[in-house]
C-alpha cells in the first residue's frame, strides 16, 4: 500500500474515532489502558503525535462484555478492550489484511 493511501486511511481513522462502545465506558477504557501501560503492553500516543507519524496503521478500540469462569467455577462477566485489527479504512484494507503471515513466528493459543 502506498504512503498516500496509508495517509488517507490514517486521517479517516483519526476523524472517525474509536468504536461507540468506548464512549459508553470511558472510565473502564482508561483503567484498562493504564493497566496495559503499567505491564508494558501499550504506549499511548496523543492524537497530535500520531499526525506526525508517517506510514502507520491504526486499529480502533472497543469494549466488549465476555463471559468467563472465576477460580471457583462460577460464570462471571468480564469487560475487555478490543483492538479492531479487521476494521478497514477507505482503502478497504484492514491491519489484518496487510499482514505478511509468513514473516511472523507461529503463535499457539491454549495448551
C-alpha atoms as a PDB file:
ATOM      1  CA  UNK A   1       0.000   0.000   0.000  1.00  0.00           C
ATOM      2  CA  UNK A   2       1.361   3.417  -0.896  1.00  0.00           C
ATOM      3  CA  UNK A   3       2.181   6.034   1.718  1.00  0.00           C
ATOM      4  CA  UNK A   4      -0.542   8.286   0.257  1.00  0.00           C
ATOM      5  CA  UNK A   5      -3.202   5.614   0.752  1.00  0.00           C
ATOM      6  CA  UNK A   6      -1.960   4.915   4.301  1.00  0.00           C
ATOM      7  CA  UNK A   7      -2.198   8.648   4.987  1.00  0.00           C
ATOM      8  CA  UNK A   8      -5.820   8.720   3.794  1.00  0.00           C
ATOM      9  CA  UNK A   9      -6.650   5.710   5.985  1.00  0.00           C
ATOM     10  CA  UNK A  10      -4.871   7.307   8.967  1.00  0.00           C
ATOM     11  CA  UNK A  11      -6.813  10.572   8.601  1.00  0.00           C
ATOM     12  CA  UNK A  12     -10.074   8.611   8.267  1.00  0.00           C
ATOM     13  CA  UNK A  13      -9.398   6.616  11.444  1.00  0.00           C
ATOM     14  CA  UNK A  14      -8.423   9.739  13.388  1.00  0.00           C
ATOM     15  CA  UNK A  15     -11.569  11.564  12.255  1.00  0.00           C
ATOM     16  CA  UNK A  16     -13.818   8.553  12.910  1.00  0.00           C
ATOM     17  CA  UNK A  17     -12.501   7.746  16.359  1.00  0.00           C
ATOM     18  CA  UNK A  18     -12.894   4.548  18.332  1.00  0.00           C
ATOM     19  CA  UNK A  19     -15.983   2.359  18.366  1.00  0.00           C
ATOM     20  CA  UNK A  20     -19.085   3.704  20.140  1.00  0.00           C
ATOM     21  CA  UNK A  21     -18.710   1.171  22.950  1.00  0.00           C
ATOM     22  CA  UNK A  22     -15.693   3.191  24.141  1.00  0.00           C
ATOM     23  CA  UNK A  23     -17.831   6.318  24.575  1.00  0.00           C
ATOM     24  CA  UNK A  24     -20.139   4.399  26.917  1.00  0.00           C
ATOM     25  CA  UNK A  25     -17.236   3.105  29.028  1.00  0.00           C
ATOM     26  CA  UNK A  26     -14.645   5.877  29.165  1.00  0.00           C
ATOM     27  CA  UNK A  27     -13.537   5.182  32.743  1.00  0.00           C
ATOM     28  CA  UNK A  28     -13.241   1.443  32.081  1.00  0.00           C
ATOM     29  CA  UNK A  29     -11.151   2.144  28.968  1.00  0.00           C
ATOM     30  CA  UNK A  30      -8.889   4.460  30.961  1.00  0.00           C
ATOM     31  CA  UNK A  31      -8.362   1.758  33.612  1.00  0.00           C
ATOM     32  CA  UNK A  32      -7.658  -0.951  31.012  1.00  0.00           C
ATOM     33  CA  UNK A  33      -5.190   1.252  29.097  1.00  0.00           C
ATOM     34  CA  UNK A  34      -3.431   2.211  32.340  1.00  0.00           C
ATOM     35  CA  UNK A  35      -3.128  -1.487  33.208  1.00  0.00           C
ATOM     36  CA  UNK A  36      -1.632  -2.218  29.762  1.00  0.00           C
ATOM     37  CA  UNK A  37       0.848   0.654  30.151  1.00  0.00           C
ATOM     38  CA  UNK A  38       1.904  -0.489  33.638  1.00  0.00           C
ATOM     39  CA  UNK A  39       2.549  -4.006  32.308  1.00  0.00           C
ATOM     40  CA  UNK A  40       4.474  -2.686  29.298  1.00  0.00           C
ATOM     41  CA  UNK A  41       1.881  -3.816  26.732  1.00  0.00           C
ATOM     42  CA  UNK A  42       0.944  -0.350  25.449  1.00  0.00           C
ATOM     43  CA  UNK A  43       2.430   3.033  24.696  1.00  0.00           C
ATOM     44  CA  UNK A  44      -0.415   5.519  24.251  1.00  0.00           C
ATOM     45  CA  UNK A  45       0.228   8.389  21.864  1.00  0.00           C
ATOM     46  CA  UNK A  46      -1.652  11.660  21.684  1.00  0.00           C
ATOM     47  CA  UNK A  47      -3.676  12.435  18.569  1.00  0.00           C
ATOM     48  CA  UNK A  48      -1.308  15.321  17.907  1.00  0.00           C
ATOM     49  CA  UNK A  49       1.695  12.979  17.983  1.00  0.00           C
ATOM     50  CA  UNK A  50       0.067  10.498  15.586  1.00  0.00           C
ATOM     51  CA  UNK A  51      -0.363  13.226  12.968  1.00  0.00           C
ATOM     52  CA  UNK A  52       3.432  13.415  12.664  1.00  0.00           C
ATOM     53  CA  UNK A  53       3.934   9.679  12.179  1.00  0.00           C
ATOM     54  CA  UNK A  54       4.037   8.540   8.576  1.00  0.00           C
ATOM     55  CA  UNK A  55       3.389   5.107   7.147  1.00  0.00           C
ATOM     56  CA  UNK A  56       1.402   3.820  10.155  1.00  0.00           C
ATOM     57  CA  UNK A  57      -1.743   1.757  10.542  1.00  0.00           C
ATOM     58  CA  UNK A  58      -4.391   2.474  13.178  1.00  0.00           C
ATOM     59  CA  UNK A  59      -6.613  -0.080  14.894  1.00  0.00           C
ATOM     60  CA  UNK A  60      -9.718   1.282  16.599  1.00  0.00           C
ATOM     61  CA  UNK A  61     -10.518   0.140  20.111  1.00  0.00           C
ATOM     62  CA  UNK A  62     -13.806  -1.082  21.509  1.00  0.00           C
ATOM     63  CA  UNK A  63     -15.223  -2.616  24.665  1.00  0.00           C
ATOM     64  CA  UNK A  64     -16.958  -5.988  24.847  1.00  0.00           C
ATOM     65  CA  UNK A  65     -18.503  -7.958  27.680  1.00  0.00           C
ATOM     66  CA  UNK A  66     -17.390 -11.547  27.800  1.00  0.00           C
ATOM     67  CA  UNK A  67     -18.417 -14.494  29.938  1.00  0.00           C
ATOM     68  CA  UNK A  68     -15.613 -16.259  31.768  1.00  0.00           C
ATOM     69  CA  UNK A  69     -15.211 -18.523  34.783  1.00  0.00           C
ATOM     70  CA  UNK A  70     -13.678 -17.456  38.097  1.00  0.00           C
ATOM     71  CA  UNK A  71     -11.396 -19.625  40.259  1.00  0.00           C
ATOM     72  CA  UNK A  72     -14.453 -21.216  41.908  1.00  0.00           C
ATOM     73  CA  UNK A  73     -16.007 -22.275  38.590  1.00  0.00           C
ATOM     74  CA  UNK A  74     -18.684 -19.557  38.643  1.00  0.00           C
ATOM     75  CA  UNK A  75     -19.674 -17.788  35.441  1.00  0.00           C
ATOM     76  CA  UNK A  76     -18.792 -14.089  35.624  1.00  0.00           C
ATOM     77  CA  UNK A  77     -18.978 -11.244  33.148  1.00  0.00           C
ATOM     78  CA  UNK A  78     -15.664  -9.626  32.237  1.00  0.00           C
ATOM     79  CA  UNK A  79     -15.188  -6.341  30.384  1.00  0.00           C
ATOM     80  CA  UNK A  80     -12.444  -6.480  27.787  1.00  0.00           C
ATOM     81  CA  UNK A  81     -10.867  -3.903  25.492  1.00  0.00           C
ATOM     82  CA  UNK A  82     -10.519  -4.935  21.860  1.00  0.00           C
ATOM     83  CA  UNK A  83      -8.160  -3.658  19.187  1.00  0.00           C
ATOM     84  CA  UNK A  84     -10.152  -3.977  15.989  1.00  0.00           C
ATOM     85  CA  UNK A  85      -7.495  -5.089  13.526  1.00  0.00           C
ATOM     86  CA  UNK A  86     -10.144  -6.048  10.949  1.00  0.00           C
ATOM     87  CA  UNK A  87     -11.832  -2.624  10.579  1.00  0.00           C
ATOM     88  CA  UNK A  88     -10.944  -1.228   7.127  1.00  0.00           C
ATOM     89  CA  UNK A  89     -10.285   2.354   6.151  1.00  0.00           C
ATOM     90  CA  UNK A  90     -11.262   3.948   2.810  1.00  0.00           C
ATOM     91  CA  UNK A  91      -8.674   1.732   1.097  1.00  0.00           C
ATOM     92  CA  UNK A  92     -10.846  -1.281   2.097  1.00  0.00           C
ATOM     93  CA  UNK A  93      -7.732  -2.728   3.770  1.00  0.00           C
ATOM     94  CA  UNK A  94      -7.534  -3.527   7.470  1.00  0.00           C
ATOM     95  CA  UNK A  95      -4.431  -4.005   9.606  1.00  0.00           C
ATOM     96  CA  UNK A  96      -5.013  -7.781   9.453  1.00  0.00           C
ATOM     97  CA  UNK A  97      -5.358  -7.844   5.676  1.00  0.00           C
ATOM     98  CA  UNK A  98      -1.952  -6.192   5.286  1.00  0.00           C
ATOM     99  CA  UNK A  99      -0.008  -8.687   7.394  1.00  0.00           C
ATOM    100  CA  UNK A 100       2.513 -10.911   5.691  1.00  0.00           C
ATOM    101  CA  UNK A 101       1.812 -14.028   7.734  1.00  0.00           C
ATOM    102  CA  UNK A 102       4.950 -15.822   6.584  1.00  0.00           C
ATOM    103  CA  UNK A 103       7.098 -13.100   8.194  1.00  0.00           C
ATOM    104  CA  UNK A 104       5.667 -13.695  11.692  1.00  0.00           C
ATOM    105  CA  UNK A 105       6.597 -16.514  14.045  1.00  0.00           C
ATOM    106  CA  UNK A 106       3.902 -19.111  14.720  1.00  0.00           C
ATOM    107  CA  UNK A 107       1.649 -18.466  17.702  1.00  0.00           C
ATOM    108  CA  UNK A 108      -0.081 -21.146  19.734  1.00  0.00           C
ATOM    109  CA  UNK A 109      -3.163 -20.446  21.849  1.00  0.00           C
ATOM    110  CA  UNK A 110      -4.119 -22.813  24.657  1.00  0.00           C
ATOM    111  CA  UNK A 111      -2.232 -25.902  25.710  1.00  0.00           C
END
